[in-house]
Amino acid sequence: MASRTIRFENGFQGELQLDEGVVKIGREPGSAAPYDMLYGALASCLYVTFLGILEKKRIAIEGAEIVVEGEKRTEVPTTLKTVHLTVTIRGTEKEEAVRKSFDLATKYCSVYQTISHVAEMSYELHFA
């Protein structure tokens, strides 16, 4: 079982403590709010899953940008209603194989699948 320590002081000022460093949590500039961290977890899990699939298929890309947008429900609890990812892939000529690999990544990414139980998920893929 994995664990992380999150410490809070002075109201909603906290730190997610990692071996590699600290992520500030809160409403102040330079801090991440809860949904910032959720969107970051989604994008990073999806991307690392995608990279694993590309590696197995021996497909290289230079990088990607993922923009995550979400809409919350108004009913309590205000879970996500929709999540849309706009993904721009850089540095590939194998667009169709990359599209299929990204689609597979959405099926294998645990964070994507977890959020999909409460929200309608969608994505669009662009190439630069």
C-alpha atoms as a PDB file:
ATOM      1  CA  MET A   1       0.000   0.000   0.000  1.00  0.00           C
ATOM      2  CA  ALA A   2       1.389   3.393  -1.016  1.00  0.00           C
ATOM      3  CA  SER A   3       1.227   6.366   1.300  1.00  0.00           C
ATOM      4  CA  ARG A   4       2.036  10.071   1.193  1.00  0.00           C
ATOM      5  CA  THR A   5       2.041  12.678   3.921  1.00  0.00           C
ATOM      6  CA  ILE A   6       0.161  15.929   3.497  1.00  0.00           C
ATOM      7  CA  ARG A   7       0.581  18.539   6.236  1.00  0.00           C
ATOM      8  CA  PHE A   8      -1.680  21.551   6.766  1.00  0.00           C
ATOM      9  CA  GLU A   9      -1.072  24.724   8.773  1.00  0.00           C
ATOM     10  CA  ASN A  10      -2.924  28.033   9.142  1.00  0.00           C
ATOM     11  CA  GLY A  11      -6.130  26.923   7.472  1.00  0.00           C
ATOM     12  CA  PHE A  12      -5.841  25.676   3.909  1.00  0.00           C
ATOM     13  CA  GLN A  13      -2.073  25.942   3.475  1.00  0.00           C
ATOM     14  CA  GLY A  14      -0.478  22.579   3.003  1.00  0.00           C
ATOM     15  CA  GLU A  15       2.307  20.546   1.500  1.00  0.00           C
ATOM     16  CA  LEU A  16       2.268  17.196  -0.234  1.00  0.00           C
ATOM     17  CA  GLN A  17       5.601  15.753   0.832  1.00  0.00           C
ATOM     18  CA  LEU A  18       7.388  13.579  -1.693  1.00  0.00           C
ATOM     19  CA  ASP A  19      10.862  12.064  -1.654  1.00  0.00           C
ATOM     20  CA  GLU A  20      11.596  14.218  -4.715  1.00  0.00           C
ATOM     21  CA  GLY A  21      10.318  17.482  -3.259  1.00  0.00           C
ATOM     22  CA  VAL A  22       7.229  19.285  -2.030  1.00  0.00           C
ATOM     23  CA  VAL A  23       4.005  20.351  -3.757  1.00  0.00           C
ATOM     24  CA  LYS A  24       2.354  23.334  -2.104  1.00  0.00           C
ATOM     25  CA  ILE A  25      -1.402  23.000  -1.611  1.00  0.00           C
ATOM     26  CA  GLY A  26      -3.792  25.887  -1.101  1.00  0.00           C
ATOM     27  CA  ARG A  27      -5.258  28.996  -2.655  1.00  0.00           C
ATOM     28  CA  GLU A  28      -2.108  31.135  -2.670  1.00  0.00           C
ATOM     29  CA  PRO A  29      -0.106  31.781  -5.854  1.00  0.00           C
ATOM     30  CA  GLY A  30       2.247  28.889  -6.532  1.00  0.00           C
ATOM     31  CA  SER A  31      -0.024  26.410  -4.745  1.00  0.00           C
ATOM     32  CA  ALA A  32      -2.191  23.653  -6.199  1.00  0.00           C
ATOM     33  CA  ALA A  33      -5.895  23.400  -5.389  1.00  0.00           C
ATOM     34  CA  PRO A  34      -7.527  19.959  -5.079  1.00  0.00           C
ATOM     35  CA  TYR A  35      -8.823  19.812  -8.658  1.00  0.00           C
ATOM     36  CA  ASP A  36      -5.454  21.061  -9.967  1.00  0.00           C
ATOM     37  CA  MET A  37      -3.924  17.965  -8.415  1.00  0.00           C
ATOM     38  CA  LEU A  38      -6.688  15.706  -9.756  1.00  0.00           C
ATOM     39  CA  TYR A  39      -6.239  17.066 -13.296  1.00  0.00           C
ATOM     40  CA  GLY A  40      -2.474  16.716 -12.927  1.00  0.00           C
ATOM     41  CA  ALA A  41      -2.863  13.126 -11.750  1.00  0.00           C
ATOM     42  CA  LEU A  42      -5.131  12.373 -14.712  1.00  0.00           C
ATOM     43  CA  ALA A  43      -2.794  13.919 -17.296  1.00  0.00           C
ATOM     44  CA  SER A  44       0.362  12.367 -15.861  1.00  0.00           C
ATOM     45  CA  CYS A  45      -1.136   8.877 -15.460  1.00  0.00           C
ATOM     46  CA  LEU A  46      -2.598   8.971 -18.956  1.00  0.00           C
ATOM     47  CA  TYR A  47       0.662  10.206 -20.461  1.00  0.00           C
ATOM     48  CA  VAL A  48       2.884   7.625 -18.772  1.00  0.00           C
ATOM     49  CA  THR A  49       0.429   4.878 -19.804  1.00  0.00           C
ATOM     50  CA  PHE A  50       0.497   6.239 -23.365  1.00  0.00           C
ATOM     51  CA  LEU A  51       4.322   6.287 -23.379  1.00  0.00           C
ATOM     52  CA  GLY A  52       4.399   2.655 -22.239  1.00  0.00           C
ATOM     53  CA  ILE A  53       2.154   1.643 -25.128  1.00  0.00           C
ATOM     54  CA  LEU A  54       4.248   3.637 -27.617  1.00  0.00           C
ATOM     55  CA  GLU A  55       7.406   1.995 -26.289  1.00  0.00           C
ATOM     56  CA  LYS A  56       5.964  -1.485 -26.793  1.00  0.00           C
ATOM     57  CA  LYS A  57       5.005  -0.531 -30.350  1.00  0.00           C
ATOM     58  CA  ARG A  58       8.423   1.098 -30.918  1.00  0.00           C
ATOM     59  CA  ILE A  59       6.849   4.441 -31.825  1.00  0.00           C
ATOM     60  CA  ALA A  60       8.685   7.611 -30.873  1.00  0.00           C
ATOM     61  CA  ILE A  61       7.255  11.060 -30.211  1.00  0.00           C
ATOM     62  CA  GLU A  62       9.048  14.228 -29.122  1.00  0.00           C
ATOM     63  CA  GLY A  63       6.505  15.204 -26.495  1.00  0.00           C
ATOM     64  CA  ALA A  64       2.958  16.295 -25.795  1.00  0.00           C
ATOM     65  CA  GLU A  65       0.831  18.977 -24.190  1.00  0.00           C
ATOM     66  CA  ILE A  66      -2.353  17.995 -22.377  1.00  0.00           C
ATOM     67  CA  VAL A  67      -4.978  20.557 -21.447  1.00  0.00           C
ATOM     68  CA  VAL A  68      -7.582  19.211 -19.000  1.00  0.00           C
ATOM     69  CA  GLU A  69     -10.956  20.936 -18.635  1.00  0.00           C
ATOM     70  CA  GLY A  70     -13.639  19.809 -16.250  1.00  0.00           C
ATOM     71  CA  GLU A  71     -17.142  20.784 -15.243  1.00  0.00           C
ATOM     72  CA  LYS A  72     -18.454  19.947 -11.795  1.00  0.00           C
ATOM     73  CA  ARG A  73     -22.019  19.061 -10.940  1.00  0.00           C
ATOM     74  CA  THR A  74     -24.046  21.544  -8.922  1.00  0.00           C
ATOM     75  CA  GLU A  75     -25.541  18.791  -6.737  1.00  0.00           C
ATOM     76  CA  VAL A  76     -23.724  17.802  -3.566  1.00  0.00           C
ATOM     77  CA  PRO A  77     -21.348  16.039  -3.640  1.00  0.00           C
ATOM     78  CA  THR A  78     -20.092  18.169  -6.531  1.00  0.00           C
ATOM     79  CA  THR A  79     -18.303  15.411  -8.405  1.00  0.00           C
ATOM     80  CA  LEU A  80     -17.098  15.997 -11.917  1.00  0.00           C
ATOM     81  CA  LYS A  81     -19.783  15.981 -14.588  1.00  0.00           C
ATOM     82  CA  THR A  82     -17.539  16.151 -17.665  1.00  0.00           C
ATOM     83  CA  VAL A  83     -13.815  16.041 -18.347  1.00  0.00           C
ATOM     84  CA  HIS A  84     -12.304  16.945 -21.713  1.00  0.00           C
ATOM     85  CA  LEU A  85      -8.651  16.578 -22.656  1.00  0.00           C
ATOM     86  CA  THR A  86      -7.087  18.426 -25.575  1.00  0.00           C
ATOM     87  CA  VAL A  87      -3.871  16.617 -26.449  1.00  0.00           C
ATOM     88  CA  THR A  88      -1.246  17.912 -28.839  1.00  0.00           C
ATOM     89  CA  ILE A  89       1.418  15.400 -29.878  1.00  0.00           C
ATOM     90  CA  ARG A  90       4.739  16.680 -31.206  1.00  0.00           C
ATOM     91  CA  GLY A  91       7.234  14.939 -33.427  1.00  0.00           C
ATOM     92  CA  THR A  92       5.675  11.921 -35.112  1.00  0.00           C
ATOM     93  CA  GLU A  93       4.753  10.871 -38.602  1.00  0.00           C
ATOM     94  CA  LYS A  94       2.782   7.815 -37.429  1.00  0.00           C
ATOM     95  CA  GLU A  95      -0.421   9.667 -36.605  1.00  0.00           C
ATOM     96  CA  GLU A  96      -2.835   6.736 -36.988  1.00  0.00           C
ATOM     97  CA  ALA A  97      -0.724   4.417 -34.817  1.00  0.00           C
ATOM     98  CA  VAL A  98      -0.388   7.190 -32.214  1.00  0.00           C
ATOM     99  CA  ARG A  99      -4.186   7.727 -32.227  1.00  0.00           C
ATOM    100  CA  LYS A 100      -4.772   4.016 -31.609  1.00  0.00           C
ATOM    101  CA  SER A 101      -2.139   4.011 -28.863  1.00  0.00           C
ATOM    102  CA  PHE A 102      -3.744   6.987 -27.117  1.00  0.00           C
ATOM    103  CA  ASP A 103      -7.151   5.322 -27.286  1.00  0.00           C
ATOM    104  CA  LEU A 104      -5.621   2.234 -25.641  1.00  0.00           C
ATOM    105  CA  ALA A 105      -4.052   4.438 -22.977  1.00  0.00           C
ATOM    106  CA  THR A 106      -7.504   5.743 -21.978  1.00  0.00           C
ATOM    107  CA  LYS A 107      -8.605   2.151 -21.442  1.00  0.00           C
ATOM    108  CA  TYR A 108      -5.548   1.188 -19.353  1.00  0.00           C
ATOM    109  CA  CYS A 109      -4.955   4.383 -17.347  1.00  0.00           C
ATOM    110  CA  SER A 110      -6.273   3.743 -13.831  1.00  0.00           C
ATOM    111  CA  VAL A 111      -6.902   7.426 -13.034  1.00  0.00           C
ATOM    112  CA  TYR A 112      -8.801   7.945 -16.309  1.00  0.00           C
ATOM    113  CA  GLN A 113     -10.907   4.868 -15.589  1.00  0.00           C
ATOM    114  CA  THR A 114     -11.550   5.944 -11.975  1.00  0.00           C
ATOM    115  CA  ILE A 115     -12.786   9.393 -13.003  1.00  0.00           C
ATOM    116  CA  SER A 116     -14.874   7.874 -15.815  1.00  0.00           C
ATOM    117  CA  HIS A 117     -17.100   6.291 -13.161  1.00  0.00           C
ATOM    118  CA  VAL A 118     -18.459   9.726 -12.215  1.00  0.00           C
ATOM    119  CA  ALA A 119     -17.801  11.895 -15.280  1.00  0.00           C
ATOM    120  CA  GLU A 120     -18.358  11.792 -19.006  1.00  0.00           C
ATOM    121  CA  MET A 121     -14.842  11.630 -20.472  1.00  0.00           C
ATOM    122  CA  SER A 122     -13.765  12.910 -23.896  1.00  0.00           C
ATOM    123  CA  TYR A 123     -10.581  13.862 -25.682  1.00  0.00           C
ATOM    124  CA  GLU A 124      -9.319  15.286 -28.925  1.00  0.00           C
ATOM    125  CA  LEU A 125      -5.902  14.611 -30.399  1.00  0.00           C
ATOM    126  CA  HIS A 126      -3.911  17.105 -32.470  1.00  0.00           C
ATOM    127  CA  PHE A 127      -0.511  16.812 -34.085  1.00  0.00           C
ATOM    128  CA  ALA A 128       2.093  19.571 -34.297  1.00  0.00           C
END
